[in-house]
Amino acid sequence: MRRPARHPLHALLLAAVLPGIAPPARAAADDPATAKPPVPPATKAAEKFEFETFQLVLLVRAPTWRKLPDAEAEKLQAEHIAHLEKMGNAGKAMVCGPFGDQKDVALRGACIYRVGSAAEARTLAEDDPVVKAGQLRIEAVTWYVGKGYMTFPRAP
């Protein structure tokens, strides 16, 4: 099927009605004999995938956990939060928080640290008053994440 020929004023009218939209070029597009194949965009050199490391610390109910009197539990919780804030302000812990809706209620929460090793994160986390009191225990692992995939804008 052949397209109807355009009137020379067609492009001018199109430009006036739809400002900012350029009319299509006619010569190469309308004449298959002079049309050139489209040029593919330049291929960008493949970027090397890199990892960066974080330390994932899981806070797990310890086998020595016991129900504490309310006043003692509240005091210990305040000390726990103070410890986490100290780790955050020192630039060691990026984000921390409790779990909800988990099947295993022994899993209490997690922190993502950015320190030299899982051993260092474990040492810092074991200084938490709830861990020292035997209420929680620590599981720490190094977590490899694609570089730049995780950012923590509130972390110092």
N, C-alpha and C. Protein backbone atom coordinates (compact mmCIF):
# COMPACT_ATOMS: atom_id res chain seq x y z
N MET A 1 0.84 -1.17 0.00
CA MET A 1 0.00 0.00 0.00
C MET A 1 0.89 1.23 0.00
N ARG A 2 0.56 2.14 -0.86
CA ARG A 2 1.36 3.35 -1.04
C ARG A 2 0.79 4.48 -0.20
N ARG A 3 1.71 5.20 0.51
CA ARG A 3 1.28 6.36 1.30
C ARG A 3 0.96 7.52 0.38
N PRO A 4 -0.05 8.31 0.73
CA PRO A 4 -0.36 9.47 -0.11
C PRO A 4 0.77 10.50 -0.01
N ALA A 5 1.01 11.23 -1.10
CA ALA A 5 2.04 12.27 -1.12
C ALA A 5 1.63 13.39 -0.17
N ARG A 6 2.61 13.97 0.50
CA ARG A 6 2.34 15.07 1.42
C ARG A 6 2.45 16.39 0.67
N HIS A 7 1.61 17.30 1.04
CA HIS A 7 1.67 18.64 0.49
C HIS A 7 2.81 19.37 1.19
N PRO A 8 3.55 20.25 0.52
CA PRO A 8 4.67 20.96 1.15
C PRO A 8 4.25 21.75 2.41
N LEU A 9 3.00 22.19 2.47
CA LEU A 9 2.55 22.94 3.63
C LEU A 9 2.22 22.03 4.82
N HIS A 10 2.17 20.73 4.57
CA HIS A 10 1.84 19.77 5.62
C HIS A 10 2.81 19.89 6.81
N ALA A 11 4.13 19.94 6.53
CA ALA A 11 5.13 20.04 7.58
C ALA A 11 4.99 21.35 8.34
N LEU A 12 4.72 22.45 7.62
CA LEU A 12 4.55 23.74 8.26
C LEU A 12 3.33 23.73 9.16
N LEU A 13 2.24 23.16 8.69
CA LEU A 13 1.01 23.07 9.48
C LEU A 13 1.24 22.20 10.72
N LEU A 14 1.92 21.08 10.54
CA LEU A 14 2.21 20.18 11.65
C LEU A 14 3.05 20.90 12.70
N ALA A 15 4.05 21.65 12.29
CA ALA A 15 4.91 22.38 13.23
C ALA A 15 4.12 23.45 13.96
N ALA A 16 3.17 24.07 13.31
CA ALA A 16 2.37 25.12 13.95
C ALA A 16 1.39 24.53 14.96
N VAL A 17 0.80 23.37 14.64
CA VAL A 17 -0.19 22.75 15.51
C VAL A 17 0.47 22.03 16.68
N LEU A 18 1.59 21.39 16.43
CA LEU A 18 2.29 20.62 17.46
C LEU A 18 3.70 21.16 17.66
N PRO A 19 3.84 22.35 18.31
CA PRO A 19 5.18 22.89 18.50
C PRO A 19 6.05 21.94 19.31
N GLY A 20 7.32 21.94 18.99
CA GLY A 20 8.25 21.08 19.70
C GLY A 20 8.39 19.70 19.08
N ILE A 21 7.53 19.36 18.12
CA ILE A 21 7.62 18.07 17.45
C ILE A 21 8.07 18.33 16.03
N ALA A 22 9.21 17.82 15.68
CA ALA A 22 9.75 18.03 14.34
C ALA A 22 9.07 17.09 13.37
N PRO A 23 8.76 17.56 12.17
CA PRO A 23 8.17 16.67 11.17
C PRO A 23 9.20 15.64 10.74
N PRO A 24 8.77 14.47 10.35
CA PRO A 24 9.71 13.43 9.92
C PRO A 24 10.41 13.82 8.62
N ALA A 25 11.66 13.38 8.49
CA ALA A 25 12.40 13.63 7.25
C ALA A 25 11.77 12.81 6.14
N ARG A 26 11.74 13.38 4.93
CA ARG A 26 11.02 12.72 3.84
C ARG A 26 11.93 11.94 2.93
N ALA A 27 13.05 12.50 2.53
CA ALA A 27 13.81 11.93 1.42
C ALA A 27 14.16 10.47 1.63
N ALA A 28 14.93 10.15 2.63
CA ALA A 28 15.38 8.77 2.82
C ALA A 28 14.24 7.86 3.24
N ALA A 29 13.33 8.36 4.04
CA ALA A 29 12.26 7.52 4.55
C ALA A 29 11.22 7.21 3.48
N ASP A 30 11.00 8.15 2.58
CA ASP A 30 9.96 7.94 1.56
C ASP A 30 10.47 7.23 0.32
N ASP A 31 11.77 7.22 0.08
CA ASP A 31 12.32 6.60 -1.12
C ASP A 31 13.14 5.39 -0.72
N PRO A 32 12.58 4.18 -0.86
CA PRO A 32 13.31 2.97 -0.45
C PRO A 32 14.65 2.82 -1.15
N ALA A 33 14.82 3.38 -2.34
CA ALA A 33 16.08 3.23 -3.07
C ALA A 33 17.21 3.98 -2.38
N THR A 34 16.90 5.08 -1.69
CA THR A 34 17.94 5.87 -1.04
C THR A 34 17.98 5.67 0.47
N ALA A 35 17.08 4.87 0.98
CA ALA A 35 17.03 4.65 2.43
C ALA A 35 18.25 3.89 2.90
N LYS A 36 18.78 4.30 4.06
CA LYS A 36 19.94 3.63 4.65
C LYS A 36 19.47 2.85 5.87
N PRO A 37 20.09 1.72 6.14
CA PRO A 37 19.70 0.96 7.32
C PRO A 37 20.01 1.76 8.58
N PRO A 38 19.22 1.58 9.63
CA PRO A 38 19.49 2.33 10.86
C PRO A 38 20.82 1.92 11.46
N VAL A 39 21.50 2.88 12.05
CA VAL A 39 22.80 2.64 12.67
C VAL A 39 22.56 2.26 14.13
N PRO A 40 23.05 1.08 14.55
CA PRO A 40 22.85 0.70 15.95
C PRO A 40 23.63 1.63 16.86
N PRO A 41 23.12 1.87 18.06
CA PRO A 41 23.87 2.74 18.99
C PRO A 41 25.19 2.09 19.36
N ALA A 42 26.15 2.92 19.67
CA ALA A 42 27.47 2.41 20.06
C ALA A 42 27.31 1.54 21.30
N THR A 43 27.97 0.40 21.31
CA THR A 43 27.88 -0.48 22.47
C THR A 43 28.85 0.01 23.53
N LYS A 44 28.36 0.06 24.76
CA LYS A 44 29.16 0.49 25.89
C LYS A 44 29.95 -0.72 26.40
N ALA A 45 31.16 -0.48 26.77
CA ALA A 45 31.97 -1.56 27.32
C ALA A 45 31.29 -2.11 28.56
N ALA A 46 31.26 -3.42 28.68
CA ALA A 46 30.62 -4.06 29.82
C ALA A 46 31.32 -3.65 31.10
N GLU A 47 30.53 -3.22 32.08
CA GLU A 47 31.09 -2.84 33.36
C GLU A 47 31.34 -4.10 34.19
N LYS A 48 32.44 -4.09 34.91
CA LYS A 48 32.78 -5.23 35.75
C LYS A 48 31.89 -5.19 37.00
N PHE A 49 31.22 -6.30 37.28
CA PHE A 49 30.36 -6.37 38.46
C PHE A 49 31.24 -6.46 39.69
N GLU A 50 30.94 -5.64 40.68
CA GLU A 50 31.71 -5.65 41.92
C GLU A 50 30.78 -5.83 43.11
N PHE A 51 31.32 -6.43 44.15
CA PHE A 51 30.62 -6.58 45.41
C PHE A 51 31.16 -5.57 46.42
N GLU A 52 30.31 -5.22 47.37
CA GLU A 52 30.77 -4.55 48.58
C GLU A 52 30.22 -5.38 49.73
N THR A 53 30.84 -5.25 50.87
CA THR A 53 30.45 -6.11 51.98
C THR A 53 29.81 -5.34 53.13
N PHE A 54 28.85 -5.99 53.72
CA PHE A 54 28.20 -5.55 54.94
C PHE A 54 28.22 -6.75 55.88
N GLN A 55 27.97 -6.50 57.14
CA GLN A 55 27.86 -7.59 58.08
C GLN A 55 26.42 -7.61 58.58
N LEU A 56 25.78 -8.73 58.38
CA LEU A 56 24.40 -8.92 58.82
C LEU A 56 24.44 -9.59 60.18
N VAL A 57 23.85 -8.92 61.16
CA VAL A 57 23.80 -9.44 62.53
C VAL A 57 22.35 -9.76 62.85
N LEU A 58 22.10 -11.03 63.14
CA LEU A 58 20.76 -11.45 63.57
C LEU A 58 20.73 -11.51 65.08
N LEU A 59 19.68 -10.96 65.65
CA LEU A 59 19.47 -11.04 67.09
C LEU A 59 18.46 -12.16 67.33
N VAL A 60 18.90 -13.17 68.05
CA VAL A 60 18.11 -14.38 68.24
C VAL A 60 17.89 -14.60 69.74
N ARG A 61 16.69 -15.00 70.10
CA ARG A 61 16.40 -15.27 71.51
C ARG A 61 17.38 -16.35 72.00
N ALA A 62 18.05 -16.05 73.10
CA ALA A 62 19.05 -16.97 73.65
C ALA A 62 18.37 -18.11 74.41
N PRO A 63 19.03 -19.27 74.52
CA PRO A 63 18.48 -20.37 75.31
C PRO A 63 18.30 -19.98 76.78
N THR A 64 19.02 -18.95 77.22
CA THR A 64 18.92 -18.48 78.61
C THR A 64 17.86 -17.39 78.79
N TRP A 65 17.11 -17.11 77.73
CA TRP A 65 16.07 -16.07 77.81
C TRP A 65 15.06 -16.41 78.89
N ARG A 66 14.61 -15.38 79.58
CA ARG A 66 13.56 -15.58 80.60
C ARG A 66 12.66 -14.36 80.60
N LYS A 67 11.44 -14.56 81.03
CA LYS A 67 10.48 -13.46 81.17
C LYS A 67 10.96 -12.58 82.31
N LEU A 68 11.15 -11.29 82.01
CA LEU A 68 11.64 -10.36 83.03
C LEU A 68 10.48 -9.55 83.59
N PRO A 69 10.59 -9.10 84.83
CA PRO A 69 9.61 -8.16 85.36
C PRO A 69 9.58 -6.91 84.47
N ASP A 70 8.41 -6.30 84.35
CA ASP A 70 8.22 -5.18 83.42
C ASP A 70 9.27 -4.08 83.59
N ALA A 71 9.53 -3.65 84.80
CA ALA A 71 10.48 -2.56 85.03
C ALA A 71 11.88 -2.95 84.55
N GLU A 72 12.28 -4.17 84.81
CA GLU A 72 13.60 -4.65 84.38
C GLU A 72 13.67 -4.76 82.86
N ALA A 73 12.60 -5.25 82.25
CA ALA A 73 12.54 -5.39 80.79
C ALA A 73 12.61 -4.01 80.11
N GLU A 74 11.88 -3.03 80.67
CA GLU A 74 11.90 -1.68 80.11
C GLU A 74 13.28 -1.04 80.22
N LYS A 75 13.93 -1.21 81.36
CA LYS A 75 15.28 -0.68 81.54
C LYS A 75 16.26 -1.32 80.56
N LEU A 76 16.19 -2.63 80.42
CA LEU A 76 17.07 -3.36 79.50
C LEU A 76 16.81 -2.93 78.06
N GLN A 77 15.54 -2.74 77.70
CA GLN A 77 15.20 -2.30 76.34
C GLN A 77 15.78 -0.91 76.08
N ALA A 78 15.69 0.00 77.05
CA ALA A 78 16.25 1.35 76.89
C ALA A 78 17.77 1.27 76.69
N GLU A 79 18.44 0.40 77.43
CA GLU A 79 19.89 0.22 77.28
C GLU A 79 20.22 -0.38 75.91
N HIS A 80 19.39 -1.30 75.45
CA HIS A 80 19.54 -1.92 74.13
C HIS A 80 19.46 -0.85 73.04
N ILE A 81 18.42 -0.02 73.10
CA ILE A 81 18.24 1.04 72.10
C ILE A 81 19.42 2.03 72.16
N ALA A 82 19.88 2.37 73.35
CA ALA A 82 21.03 3.27 73.49
C ALA A 82 22.27 2.67 72.84
N HIS A 83 22.46 1.36 73.01
CA HIS A 83 23.60 0.69 72.38
C HIS A 83 23.50 0.77 70.85
N LEU A 84 22.31 0.50 70.31
CA LEU A 84 22.13 0.55 68.86
C LEU A 84 22.34 1.96 68.32
N GLU A 85 21.84 2.96 69.05
CA GLU A 85 22.06 4.35 68.65
C GLU A 85 23.55 4.71 68.67
N LYS A 86 24.26 4.22 69.67
CA LYS A 86 25.71 4.44 69.77
C LYS A 86 26.41 3.83 68.55
N MET A 87 26.02 2.62 68.17
CA MET A 87 26.62 1.97 67.00
C MET A 87 26.30 2.76 65.73
N GLY A 88 25.08 3.25 65.63
CA GLY A 88 24.71 4.06 64.46
C GLY A 88 25.46 5.37 64.40
N ASN A 89 25.54 6.07 65.53
CA ASN A 89 26.24 7.36 65.57
C ASN A 89 27.73 7.20 65.30
N ALA A 90 28.29 6.04 65.63
CA ALA A 90 29.70 5.77 65.37
C ALA A 90 29.95 5.35 63.93
N GLY A 91 28.87 5.20 63.15
CA GLY A 91 29.02 4.79 61.76
C GLY A 91 29.26 3.30 61.60
N LYS A 92 29.02 2.53 62.64
CA LYS A 92 29.23 1.07 62.59
C LYS A 92 27.97 0.35 62.11
N ALA A 93 26.82 0.71 62.68
CA ALA A 93 25.54 0.09 62.30
C ALA A 93 24.83 1.02 61.33
N MET A 94 24.44 0.49 60.18
CA MET A 94 23.75 1.29 59.17
C MET A 94 22.25 1.37 59.44
N VAL A 95 21.68 0.24 59.84
CA VAL A 95 20.24 0.17 60.10
C VAL A 95 19.99 -1.03 61.02
N CYS A 96 19.04 -0.86 61.94
CA CYS A 96 18.68 -1.93 62.87
C CYS A 96 17.17 -1.91 63.07
N GLY A 97 16.60 -3.06 63.37
CA GLY A 97 15.18 -3.07 63.67
C GLY A 97 14.68 -4.46 64.03
N PRO A 98 13.52 -4.48 64.70
CA PRO A 98 12.93 -5.75 65.12
C PRO A 98 12.18 -6.41 63.96
N PHE A 99 11.92 -7.71 64.12
CA PHE A 99 11.13 -8.46 63.15
C PHE A 99 9.68 -8.53 63.60
N GLY A 100 8.80 -8.76 62.66
CA GLY A 100 7.40 -9.02 62.91
C GLY A 100 6.92 -10.05 61.90
N ASP A 101 5.87 -10.72 62.20
CA ASP A 101 5.25 -11.69 61.30
C ASP A 101 6.17 -12.87 60.94
N GLN A 102 7.16 -13.15 61.76
CA GLN A 102 8.04 -14.29 61.48
C GLN A 102 7.45 -15.56 62.09
N LYS A 103 7.68 -16.67 61.41
CA LYS A 103 7.20 -17.95 61.94
C LYS A 103 7.98 -18.37 63.18
N ASP A 104 9.28 -18.09 63.17
CA ASP A 104 10.13 -18.46 64.30
C ASP A 104 10.28 -17.24 65.21
N VAL A 105 9.58 -17.26 66.35
CA VAL A 105 9.60 -16.11 67.26
C VAL A 105 10.95 -15.91 67.95
N ALA A 106 11.85 -16.87 67.79
CA ALA A 106 13.19 -16.71 68.33
C ALA A 106 13.97 -15.64 67.56
N LEU A 107 13.60 -15.41 66.30
CA LEU A 107 14.24 -14.36 65.51
C LEU A 107 13.67 -13.03 65.95
N ARG A 108 14.49 -12.22 66.60
CA ARG A 108 13.99 -10.98 67.21
C ARG A 108 14.26 -9.74 66.38
N GLY A 109 15.38 -9.69 65.64
CA GLY A 109 15.68 -8.50 64.85
C GLY A 109 17.00 -8.66 64.12
N ALA A 110 17.39 -7.58 63.43
CA ALA A 110 18.64 -7.61 62.67
C ALA A 110 19.25 -6.23 62.63
N CYS A 111 20.55 -6.22 62.42
CA CYS A 111 21.30 -4.98 62.18
C CYS A 111 22.21 -5.23 60.99
N ILE A 112 22.37 -4.21 60.19
CA ILE A 112 23.36 -4.26 59.13
C ILE A 112 24.50 -3.34 59.56
N TYR A 113 25.66 -3.96 59.76
CA TYR A 113 26.86 -3.23 60.15
C TYR A 113 27.72 -3.05 58.91
N ARG A 114 28.57 -2.03 58.97
CA ARG A 114 29.58 -1.86 57.92
C ARG A 114 30.91 -1.65 58.64
N VAL A 115 31.53 -2.79 58.94
CA VAL A 115 32.81 -2.80 59.64
C VAL A 115 33.73 -3.76 58.88
N GLY A 116 34.89 -4.03 59.43
CA GLY A 116 35.89 -4.83 58.72
C GLY A 116 35.58 -6.30 58.54
N SER A 117 34.80 -6.89 59.46
CA SER A 117 34.58 -8.33 59.38
C SER A 117 33.36 -8.73 60.20
N ALA A 118 32.91 -9.96 59.98
CA ALA A 118 31.81 -10.50 60.79
C ALA A 118 32.26 -10.62 62.24
N ALA A 119 33.52 -10.94 62.46
CA ALA A 119 34.03 -11.06 63.84
C ALA A 119 33.95 -9.71 64.56
N GLU A 120 34.28 -8.63 63.88
CA GLU A 120 34.19 -7.30 64.50
C GLU A 120 32.74 -6.94 64.78
N ALA A 121 31.85 -7.22 63.83
CA ALA A 121 30.42 -6.95 64.05
C ALA A 121 29.90 -7.76 65.23
N ARG A 122 30.32 -9.02 65.32
CA ARG A 122 29.90 -9.89 66.42
C ARG A 122 30.37 -9.30 67.76
N THR A 123 31.62 -8.85 67.81
CA THR A 123 32.16 -8.26 69.04
C THR A 123 31.37 -7.03 69.44
N LEU A 124 31.07 -6.16 68.50
CA LEU A 124 30.29 -4.95 68.79
C LEU A 124 28.88 -5.31 69.26
N ALA A 125 28.26 -6.28 68.57
CA ALA A 125 26.88 -6.68 68.92
C ALA A 125 26.83 -7.39 70.26
N GLU A 126 27.88 -8.12 70.60
CA GLU A 126 27.90 -8.82 71.90
C GLU A 126 28.06 -7.86 73.07
N ASP A 127 28.39 -6.61 72.78
CA ASP A 127 28.48 -5.59 73.83
C ASP A 127 27.10 -5.00 74.15
N ASP A 128 26.07 -5.44 73.42
CA ASP A 128 24.69 -4.99 73.65
C ASP A 128 24.23 -5.51 75.01
N PRO A 129 23.64 -4.63 75.84
CA PRO A 129 23.19 -5.06 77.17
C PRO A 129 22.23 -6.26 77.16
N VAL A 130 21.37 -6.42 76.15
CA VAL A 130 20.46 -7.57 76.14
C VAL A 130 21.20 -8.87 75.85
N VAL A 131 22.31 -8.77 75.13
CA VAL A 131 23.14 -9.95 74.89
C VAL A 131 23.91 -10.29 76.16
N LYS A 132 24.48 -9.27 76.79
CA LYS A 132 25.21 -9.49 78.05
C LYS A 132 24.30 -10.06 79.14
N ALA A 133 23.01 -9.69 79.10
CA ALA A 133 22.05 -10.19 80.10
C ALA A 133 21.56 -11.60 79.78
N GLY A 134 21.99 -12.15 78.63
CA GLY A 134 21.60 -13.52 78.27
C GLY A 134 20.22 -13.61 77.65
N GLN A 135 19.64 -12.51 77.27
CA GLN A 135 18.31 -12.53 76.65
C GLN A 135 18.38 -12.83 75.16
N LEU A 136 19.43 -12.35 74.50
CA LEU A 136 19.61 -12.57 73.06
C LEU A 136 21.00 -13.13 72.80
N ARG A 137 21.13 -13.78 71.66
CA ARG A 137 22.45 -14.22 71.19
C ARG A 137 22.62 -13.66 69.78
N ILE A 138 23.82 -13.69 69.30
CA ILE A 138 24.18 -13.06 68.03
C ILE A 138 24.54 -14.11 66.98
N GLU A 139 24.07 -13.91 65.77
CA GLU A 139 24.56 -14.62 64.58
C GLU A 139 25.07 -13.52 63.65
N ALA A 140 26.32 -13.58 63.24
CA ALA A 140 26.89 -12.55 62.37
C ALA A 140 27.52 -13.20 61.14
N VAL A 141 27.23 -12.64 59.99
CA VAL A 141 27.79 -13.13 58.73
C VAL A 141 28.18 -11.94 57.87
N THR A 142 29.12 -12.17 56.97
CA THR A 142 29.43 -11.16 55.97
C THR A 142 28.46 -11.34 54.82
N TRP A 143 27.92 -10.24 54.36
CA TRP A 143 26.91 -10.26 53.30
C TRP A 143 27.48 -9.50 52.10
N TYR A 144 27.59 -10.18 50.97
CA TYR A 144 28.12 -9.59 49.74
C TYR A 144 26.94 -9.07 48.92
N VAL A 145 26.99 -7.79 48.60
CA VAL A 145 25.91 -7.12 47.89
C VAL A 145 26.51 -6.39 46.70
N GLY A 146 25.79 -6.37 45.59
CA GLY A 146 26.27 -5.63 44.42
C GLY A 146 26.60 -4.19 44.80
N LYS A 147 27.78 -3.74 44.40
CA LYS A 147 28.24 -2.40 44.76
C LYS A 147 27.24 -1.35 44.31
N GLY A 148 26.87 -0.50 45.25
CA GLY A 148 25.95 0.59 44.94
C GLY A 148 24.48 0.23 45.04
N TYR A 149 24.15 -1.02 45.29
CA TYR A 149 22.75 -1.44 45.36
C TYR A 149 22.09 -1.05 46.66
N MET A 150 22.88 -0.90 47.71
CA MET A 150 22.32 -0.51 49.01
C MET A 150 22.98 0.77 49.48
N THR A 151 22.13 1.72 49.86
CA THR A 151 22.64 2.95 50.44
C THR A 151 21.84 3.24 51.71
N PHE A 152 22.46 3.94 52.60
CA PHE A 152 21.83 4.27 53.87
C PHE A 152 22.00 5.77 54.09
N PRO A 153 21.05 6.55 53.58
CA PRO A 153 21.21 8.01 53.61
C PRO A 153 21.27 8.61 55.02
N ARG A 154 20.75 7.94 56.01
CA ARG A 154 20.78 8.50 57.37
C ARG A 154 22.00 8.05 58.15
N ALA A 155 22.74 7.10 57.61
CA ALA A 155 23.95 6.64 58.29
C ALA A 155 25.05 7.69 58.12
N PRO A 156 25.86 7.93 59.17
CA PRO A 156 26.95 8.93 59.05
C PRO A 156 28.02 8.46 58.08
